[in-house]
C-alpha atoms as a PDB file:
ATOM      1  CA  MET A   1      70.034  81.796-147.981  1.00  0.00           C
ATOM      2  CA  SER A   2      69.877  84.651-149.253  1.00  0.00           C
ATOM      3  CA  LEU A   3      66.517  85.873-151.866  1.00  0.00           C
ATOM      4  CA  THR A   4      66.103  87.439-155.258  1.00  0.00           C
ATOM      5  CA  GLU A   5      62.924  90.221-155.388  1.00  0.00           C
ATOM      6  CA  ARG A   6      61.269  88.150-157.354  1.00  0.00           C
ATOM      7  CA  GLN A   7      61.202  84.784-154.772  1.00  0.00           C
ATOM      8  CA  LYS A   8      60.309  88.097-152.221  1.00  0.00           C
ATOM      9  CA  ARG A   9      57.244  88.687-153.946  1.00  0.00           C
ATOM     10  CA  TRP A  10      56.332  84.797-155.262  1.00  0.00           C
ATOM     11  CA  LEU A  11      56.402  84.451-151.302  1.00  0.00           C
ATOM     12  CA  LYS A  12      54.582  87.969-150.283  1.00  0.00           C
ATOM     13  CA  PRO A  13      50.930  86.119-150.989  1.00  0.00           C
ATOM     14  CA  ARG A  14      51.800  83.004-148.947  1.00  0.00           C
ATOM     15  CA  VAL A  15      52.767  85.143-146.257  1.00  0.00           C
ATOM     16  CA  HIS A  16      49.458  87.100-146.111  1.00  0.00           C
ATOM     17  CA  HIS A  17      46.669  85.169-144.755  1.00  0.00           C
ATOM     18  CA  LEU A  18      49.047  83.518-142.285  1.00  0.00           C
ATOM     19  CA  ARG A  19      48.889  85.135-138.398  1.00  0.00           C
ATOM     20  CA  PRO A  20      52.024  86.289-136.291  1.00  0.00           C
ATOM     21  CA  VAL A  21      53.067  82.637-134.885  1.00  0.00           C
ATOM     22  CA  VAL A  22      54.983  84.503-132.030  1.00  0.00           C
ATOM     23  CA  ILE A  23      54.161  87.706-130.286  1.00  0.00           C
ATOM     24  CA  LEU A  24      57.739  90.041-128.305  1.00  0.00           C
ATOM     25  CA  GLY A  25      56.146  92.101-125.870  1.00  0.00           C
ATOM     26  CA  HIS A  26      58.832  94.614-124.055  1.00  0.00           C
ATOM     27  CA  ALA A  27      60.812  92.241-122.173  1.00  0.00           C
ATOM     28  CA  GLY A  28      62.354  92.211-126.114  1.00  0.00           C
ATOM     29  CA  LEU A  29      63.413  89.035-127.819  1.00  0.00           C
ATOM     30  CA  THR A  30      64.555  86.470-125.021  1.00  0.00           C
ATOM     31  CA  ASP A  31      66.186  83.592-125.101  1.00  0.00           C
ATOM     32  CA  GLY A  32      63.551  81.435-124.734  1.00  0.00           C
ATOM     33  CA  VAL A  33      61.632  84.032-127.768  1.00  0.00           C
ATOM     34  CA  PHE A  34      64.015  83.238-130.098  1.00  0.00           C
ATOM     35  CA  ASN A  35      63.684  79.439-128.978  1.00  0.00           C
ATOM     36  CA  GLU A  36      60.105  80.335-130.214  1.00  0.00           C
ATOM     37  CA  ILE A  37      60.996  81.581-133.287  1.00  0.00           C
ATOM     38  CA  GLU A  38      63.580  79.041-134.047  1.00  0.00           C
ATOM     39  CA  ALA A  39      61.291  75.863-133.818  1.00  0.00           C
ATOM     40  CA  ALA A  40      58.390  77.691-135.850  1.00  0.00           C
ATOM     41  CA  LEU A  41      60.810  79.112-138.398  1.00  0.00           C
ATOM     42  CA  ASP A  42      61.694  75.123-138.865  1.00  0.00           C
ATOM     43  CA  HIS A  43      58.372  73.869-138.631  1.00  0.00           C
ATOM     44  CA  HIS A  44      56.887  76.608-140.750  1.00  0.00           C
ATOM     45  CA  GLU A  45      59.187  77.612-143.085  1.00  0.00           C
ATOM     46  CA  LEU A  46      57.600  80.786-143.486  1.00  0.00           C
ATOM     47  CA  ILE A  47      56.185  82.740-140.303  1.00  0.00           C
ATOM     48  CA  LYS A  48      55.099  86.132-138.945  1.00  0.00           C
ATOM     49  CA  ILE A  49      55.818  87.975-135.233  1.00  0.00           C
ATOM     50  CA  LYS A  50      54.415  90.959-134.290  1.00  0.00           C
ATOM     51  CA  VAL A  51      56.997  93.159-132.411  1.00  0.00           C
ATOM     52  CA  ASN A  52      54.999  94.995-129.431  1.00  0.00           C
ATOM     53  CA  ALA A  53      57.850  96.972-128.284  1.00  0.00           C
ATOM     54  CA  GLY A  54      58.480 100.607-127.256  1.00  0.00           C
ATOM     55  CA  ASP A  55      59.234 102.555-130.658  1.00  0.00           C
ATOM     56  CA  ARG A  56      60.160 102.846-134.362  1.00  0.00           C
ATOM     57  CA  THR A  57      63.968 102.425-134.395  1.00  0.00           C
ATOM     58  CA  GLU A  58      63.947  99.962-130.998  1.00  0.00           C
ATOM     59  CA  ARG A  59      61.393  97.990-133.433  1.00  0.00           C
ATOM     60  CA  ASP A  60      63.856  98.358-136.453  1.00  0.00           C
ATOM     61  CA  ALA A  61      66.491  96.702-134.364  1.00  0.00           C
ATOM     62  CA  LEU A  62      64.741  93.418-133.024  1.00  0.00           C
ATOM     63  CA  VAL A  63      63.901  92.389-136.630  1.00  0.00           C
ATOM     64  CA  GLY A  64      66.705  92.930-137.381  1.00  0.00           C
ATOM     65  CA  ALA A  65      68.049  90.953-134.895  1.00  0.00           C
ATOM     66  CA  ILE A  66      65.767  88.263-135.662  1.00  0.00           C
ATOM     67  CA  ALA A  67      66.369  88.185-138.991  1.00  0.00           C
ATOM     68  CA  GLU A  68      70.686  87.985-137.964  1.00  0.00           C
ATOM     69  CA  ARG A  69      70.301  85.786-135.559  1.00  0.00           C
ATOM     70  CA  ALA A  70      67.971  83.121-137.113  1.00  0.00           C
ATOM     71  CA  GLY A  71      69.542  83.537-140.488  1.00  0.00           C
ATOM     72  CA  ALA A  72      66.193  83.760-141.956  1.00  0.00           C
ATOM     73  CA  THR A  73      65.403  86.498-144.795  1.00  0.00           C
ATOM     74  CA  LEU A  74      63.087  89.584-144.018  1.00  0.00           C
ATOM     75  CA  ILE A  75      59.926  88.791-146.807  1.00  0.00           C
ATOM     76  CA  ALA A  76      57.612  92.172-145.837  1.00  0.00           C
ATOM     77  CA  ARG A  77      57.537  94.722-142.751  1.00  0.00           C
ATOM     78  CA  ILE A  78      54.273  96.333-142.615  1.00  0.00           C
ATOM     79  CA  GLY A  79      53.739  98.213-139.292  1.00  0.00           C
ATOM     80  CA  ASN A  80      54.258  96.397-136.108  1.00  0.00           C
ATOM     81  CA  THR A  81      54.277  92.759-138.027  1.00  0.00           C
ATOM     82  CA  ALA A  82      57.192  91.350-139.874  1.00  0.00           C
ATOM     83  CA  ALA A  83      56.895  87.994-142.210  1.00  0.00           C
ATOM     84  CA  PHE A  84      60.348  85.982-142.220  1.00  0.00           C
ATOM     85  CA  PHE A  85      61.425  82.757-144.328  1.00  0.00           C
ATOM     86  CA  ARG A  86      64.183  80.387-143.638  1.00  0.00           C
ATOM     87  CA  ALA A  87      64.195  77.116-145.947  1.00  0.00           C
ATOM     88  CA  ASN A  88      64.400  73.959-144.091  1.00  0.00           C
ATOM     89  CA  PRO A  89      65.954  71.008-146.007  1.00  0.00           C
ATOM     90  CA  THR A  90      64.653  68.343-143.384  1.00  0.00           C
ATOM     91  CA  LYS A  91      61.358  68.721-144.861  1.00  0.00           C
ATOM     92  CA  LYS A  92      59.778  66.068-146.750  1.00  0.00           C
ATOM     93  CA  ASP A  93      57.248  69.086-149.010  1.00  0.00           C
ATOM     94  CA  ARG A  94      59.129  72.339-148.957  1.00  0.00           C
ATOM     95  CA  LEU A  95      57.846  75.661-149.237  1.00  0.00           C
ATOM     96  CA  MET A  96      60.831  77.253-151.975  1.00  0.00           C
ATOM     97  CA  PRO A  97      59.966  80.034-154.151  1.00  0.00           C
ATOM     98  CA  PRO A  98      60.720  79.328-158.046  1.00  0.00           C
ATOM     99  CA  ALA A  99      64.438  80.494-158.732  1.00  0.00           C
ATOM    100  CA  LEU A 100      63.580  82.662-161.479  1.00  0.00           C
END
């Protein structure tokens, strides 16, 4: 699902108060960590992930890999923390940005 810039701006204040639900360490994106990311996206739809990897290029690569592999949209990234959104169509109380 691709979001417009207006939809991303609508989601940014909603992610601000959240705490990271997954923290990536130096081991990187293992299958176990990815399964936790998938579960968190299914349950919350909007999550923060803290990436404690080496340098900036390694963090960029991990953030891109998470977005691509999970089918999520990167909402914002500040330092080591990235926010992702993936709509869950089976959820009754979906967090869906307005189609503006």
